[in-house]
Amino acid sequence: MSGEPTVGDEKRRVRAELRAFRRALDASALARAAARVHAAASELEALAAARTVAGYVACDGEIDVAALLDDARRRGAAVLLPRRRHGDTLDLVAAPAHASALLTVATGGRDPLREPQGPAADPARLATPAVLLAPAVALDRRGGRLGRGGGDYDRLLPRLRALGWTVIGVCHVAQLVDVLPVEGHDVPVDVVLTDAGVLVPAR
């Protein structure tokens, strides 16, 4: 029937509900979540072995992965952060130590984001093995990922996966569900990382 909700309707409902949840978290709850994710990530061999690690700058209640990026730098890995390019595509930009001082607030797009300056990297030229830490509004136990709705990560992930990157989705455990509504363009993650631990999806 025409009145039945579509997959898009269900995604919008889940996205609104779970974004509201994480926006309600206070600073202490976010700090605890970041510390637990940092501890849980010690199990991830792919992350420990990575010569390139791309992360993100947390906002909108996302889990902060700055400590994971600092660990990668100390191991000698290259660290990159995303920057939105015209057309809702993400570039990856080198982010050395103290890069937070060089972040600028992006203009345009759905949300204000703090982004790195500098030239975009060519993923094909980056050292491997490589890992991407991808923020998520929700993840499911099969690796399904729900982002903010712009599709920028869904356009980036196939290119990185074709180069052999491991994609680690990051969210609060309360944002981990059994099954997400997904569409054909939605790209799953290889590993789920939450403040309750690590999950390798069974597909």
Protein backbone atom coordinates (compact mmCIF):
# COMPACT_ATOMS: atom_id res chain seq x y z
CA MET A 1 0.00 0.00 0.00
CA SER A 2 1.17 3.52 -0.72
CA GLY A 3 0.90 4.46 2.96
CA GLU A 4 3.49 1.89 4.09
CA PRO A 5 6.90 3.30 5.12
CA THR A 6 9.73 2.90 2.63
CA VAL A 7 13.32 1.88 3.39
CA GLY A 8 14.21 5.56 3.10
CA ASP A 9 11.51 6.46 5.64
CA GLU A 10 12.82 3.86 8.08
CA LYS A 11 16.41 5.07 7.65
CA ARG A 12 15.33 8.62 8.40
CA ARG A 13 13.47 7.45 11.51
CA VAL A 14 16.44 5.46 12.84
CA ARG A 15 18.85 8.28 11.98
CA ALA A 16 16.78 10.89 13.80
CA GLU A 17 16.31 8.69 16.87
CA LEU A 18 19.96 7.72 17.25
CA ARG A 19 21.36 11.16 16.48
CA ALA A 20 19.11 12.54 19.19
CA PHE A 21 20.45 9.88 21.58
CA ARG A 22 24.10 10.75 21.06
CA ARG A 23 23.50 14.50 21.04
CA ALA A 24 22.04 14.10 24.54
CA LEU A 25 25.26 12.58 25.91
CA ASP A 26 27.21 14.90 28.18
CA ALA A 27 30.97 15.47 28.11
CA SER A 28 31.70 12.87 30.80
CA ALA A 29 29.71 10.18 28.97
CA LEU A 30 31.52 10.98 25.73
CA ALA A 31 34.89 10.83 27.50
CA ARG A 32 34.04 7.41 28.99
CA ALA A 33 32.94 6.11 25.60
CA ALA A 34 36.18 7.32 23.97
CA ALA A 35 38.28 5.65 26.69
CA ARG A 36 36.40 2.36 26.32
CA VAL A 37 36.77 2.40 22.54
CA HIS A 38 40.47 3.09 22.96
CA ALA A 39 40.77 0.05 25.24
CA ALA A 40 38.64 -2.16 23.00
CA ALA A 41 40.68 -1.24 19.93
CA SER A 42 43.72 -2.97 21.44
CA GLU A 43 42.14 -6.20 20.15
CA LEU A 44 42.27 -5.05 16.53
CA GLU A 45 45.26 -6.56 14.78
CA ALA A 46 44.40 -4.70 11.58
CA LEU A 47 44.70 -1.38 13.39
CA ALA A 48 47.93 -2.32 15.18
CA ALA A 49 49.51 -3.42 11.91
CA ALA A 50 48.29 -0.50 9.79
CA ARG A 51 50.88 1.74 8.16
CA THR A 52 48.13 4.20 7.22
CA VAL A 53 45.18 5.11 9.45
CA ALA A 54 42.42 7.47 8.35
CA GLY A 55 40.14 8.71 11.12
CA TYR A 56 37.77 11.60 11.75
CA VAL A 57 37.23 14.59 14.01
CA ALA A 58 34.33 13.74 16.31
CA CYS A 59 31.26 15.96 16.37
CA ASP A 60 27.51 15.59 16.88
CA GLY A 61 28.06 13.15 19.76
CA GLU A 62 30.33 10.80 17.80
CA ILE A 63 32.94 8.77 19.66
CA ASP A 64 36.27 10.58 19.72
CA VAL A 65 39.04 8.49 18.14
CA ALA A 66 41.86 11.03 18.68
CA ALA A 67 43.68 8.65 21.07
CA LEU A 68 43.66 5.92 18.42
CA LEU A 69 45.15 8.34 15.89
CA ASP A 70 47.81 9.40 18.39
CA ASP A 71 48.70 5.74 18.94
CA ALA A 72 49.05 5.28 15.18
CA ARG A 73 51.38 8.27 14.93
CA ARG A 74 53.55 6.89 17.72
CA ARG A 75 53.83 3.62 15.80
CA GLY A 76 55.01 5.58 12.78
CA ALA A 77 51.84 5.20 10.72
CA ALA A 78 50.60 7.96 8.43
CA VAL A 79 47.42 9.53 9.83
CA LEU A 80 44.79 11.22 7.67
CA LEU A 81 41.50 13.02 8.21
CA PRO A 82 38.59 13.49 5.79
CA ARG A 83 37.71 16.73 4.04
CA ARG A 84 34.50 17.21 2.09
CA ARG A 85 35.04 18.10 -1.53
CA HIS A 86 32.47 19.75 -3.80
CA GLY A 87 29.84 17.17 -4.66
CA ASP A 88 29.78 15.47 -1.25
CA THR A 89 32.90 13.42 -1.92
CA LEU A 90 35.54 12.98 0.78
CA ASP A 91 39.24 13.58 0.29
CA LEU A 92 41.81 12.27 2.76
CA VAL A 93 44.37 14.79 4.01
CA ALA A 94 47.53 14.13 6.04
CA ALA A 95 47.09 15.08 9.70
CA PRO A 96 50.41 15.12 11.58
CA ALA A 97 50.72 15.61 15.33
CA HIS A 98 49.01 18.76 16.61
CA ALA A 99 46.93 18.88 13.42
CA SER A 100 43.94 20.02 15.51
CA ALA A 101 45.48 23.49 15.52
CA LEU A 102 45.23 23.51 11.72
CA LEU A 103 41.61 22.42 11.40
CA THR A 104 39.13 24.78 9.79
CA VAL A 105 35.35 24.79 9.93
CA ALA A 106 33.92 23.59 6.64
CA THR A 107 31.35 25.67 4.85
CA GLY A 108 28.38 24.14 3.10
CA GLY A 109 27.11 20.61 3.58
CA ARG A 110 24.55 19.48 6.11
CA ASP A 111 26.62 19.99 9.25
CA PRO A 112 29.56 22.14 10.32
CA LEU A 113 32.66 19.96 10.31
CA ARG A 114 36.23 20.65 11.39
CA GLU A 115 38.46 19.67 8.51
CA PRO A 116 42.20 19.52 7.78
CA GLN A 117 44.08 21.85 5.48
CA GLY A 118 46.63 20.79 2.90
CA PRO A 119 46.66 18.77 -0.31
CA ALA A 120 44.48 15.71 -0.74
CA ALA A 121 46.30 12.39 -0.64
CA ASP A 122 46.04 9.80 -3.39
CA PRO A 123 44.86 6.66 -1.56
CA ALA A 124 46.60 4.47 -4.13
CA ARG A 125 49.96 5.95 -3.05
CA LEU A 126 49.47 5.49 0.68
CA ALA A 127 51.33 2.76 2.55
CA THR A 128 49.49 -0.46 3.24
CA PRO A 129 48.08 -2.20 5.19
CA ALA A 130 45.63 0.65 5.71
CA VAL A 131 42.60 1.19 7.92
CA LEU A 132 39.71 3.64 7.85
CA LEU A 133 37.86 4.49 11.08
CA ALA A 134 34.39 5.43 9.83
CA PRO A 135 31.93 7.19 12.14
CA ALA A 136 28.37 5.90 12.06
CA VAL A 137 24.96 6.97 13.27
CA ALA A 138 24.19 3.25 13.53
CA LEU A 139 25.79 -0.08 12.74
CA ASP A 140 24.28 -3.54 12.67
CA ARG A 141 25.60 -7.01 13.43
CA ARG A 142 26.04 -7.77 9.73
CA GLY A 143 28.26 -4.73 9.23
CA GLY A 144 25.52 -2.51 7.83
CA ARG A 145 26.29 1.18 8.33
CA LEU A 146 23.97 4.18 8.56
CA GLY A 147 25.65 7.56 8.21
CA ARG A 148 24.32 11.09 8.35
CA GLY A 149 22.56 10.75 5.02
CA GLY A 150 24.89 12.57 2.66
CA GLY A 151 26.42 9.43 1.16
CA ASP A 152 29.97 10.79 1.22
CA TYR A 153 31.42 7.73 2.98
CA ASP A 154 29.44 5.41 0.71
CA ARG A 155 31.25 6.98 -2.22
CA LEU A 156 34.68 6.77 -0.55
CA LEU A 157 34.53 3.24 0.87
CA PRO A 158 34.41 1.24 -2.40
CA ARG A 159 37.56 2.99 -3.63
CA LEU A 160 39.43 2.24 -0.40
CA ARG A 161 38.21 -1.34 -0.20
CA ALA A 162 39.38 -1.94 -3.79
CA LEU A 163 42.85 -0.91 -2.57
CA GLY A 164 42.71 -3.45 0.26
CA TRP A 165 41.81 -1.11 3.13
CA THR A 166 40.04 -2.45 6.22
CA VAL A 167 36.97 -0.40 7.17
CA ILE A 168 36.18 -0.17 10.89
CA GLY A 169 32.82 1.34 11.78
CA VAL A 170 32.72 3.24 15.08
CA CYS A 171 29.64 4.04 17.17
CA HIS A 172 28.22 3.90 20.70
CA VAL A 173 27.00 0.44 21.67
CA ALA A 174 23.47 1.88 22.00
CA GLN A 175 23.69 2.59 18.26
CA LEU A 176 24.41 -1.05 17.43
CA VAL A 177 21.24 -2.80 16.23
CA ASP A 178 20.45 -6.27 14.94
CA VAL A 179 19.47 -5.25 11.41
CA LEU A 180 19.49 -1.85 9.73
CA PRO A 181 17.33 -0.84 6.78
CA VAL A 182 19.75 -0.67 3.86
CA GLU A 183 19.67 0.22 0.19
CA GLY A 184 21.86 -0.88 -2.69
CA HIS A 185 24.28 2.05 -2.37
CA ASP A 186 24.93 1.51 1.35
CA VAL A 187 28.45 0.12 1.93
CA PRO A 188 29.04 -2.19 4.92
CA VAL A 189 32.05 -2.12 7.24
CA ASP A 190 34.49 -4.96 7.89
CA VAL A 191 34.65 -4.52 11.68
CA VAL A 192 32.35 -2.90 14.24
CA LEU A 193 34.00 -1.03 17.13
CA THR A 194 31.92 0.26 20.02
CA ASP A 195 32.49 1.20 23.65
CA ALA A 196 31.41 -2.36 24.53
CA GLY A 197 34.01 -4.06 22.35
CA VAL A 198 34.77 -5.38 18.87
CA LEU A 199 32.42 -7.28 16.59
CA VAL A 200 33.44 -8.94 13.32
CA PRO A 201 30.22 -9.20 11.28
CA ALA A 202 29.10 -12.58 10.02
CA ARG A 203 27.94 -12.35 6.43
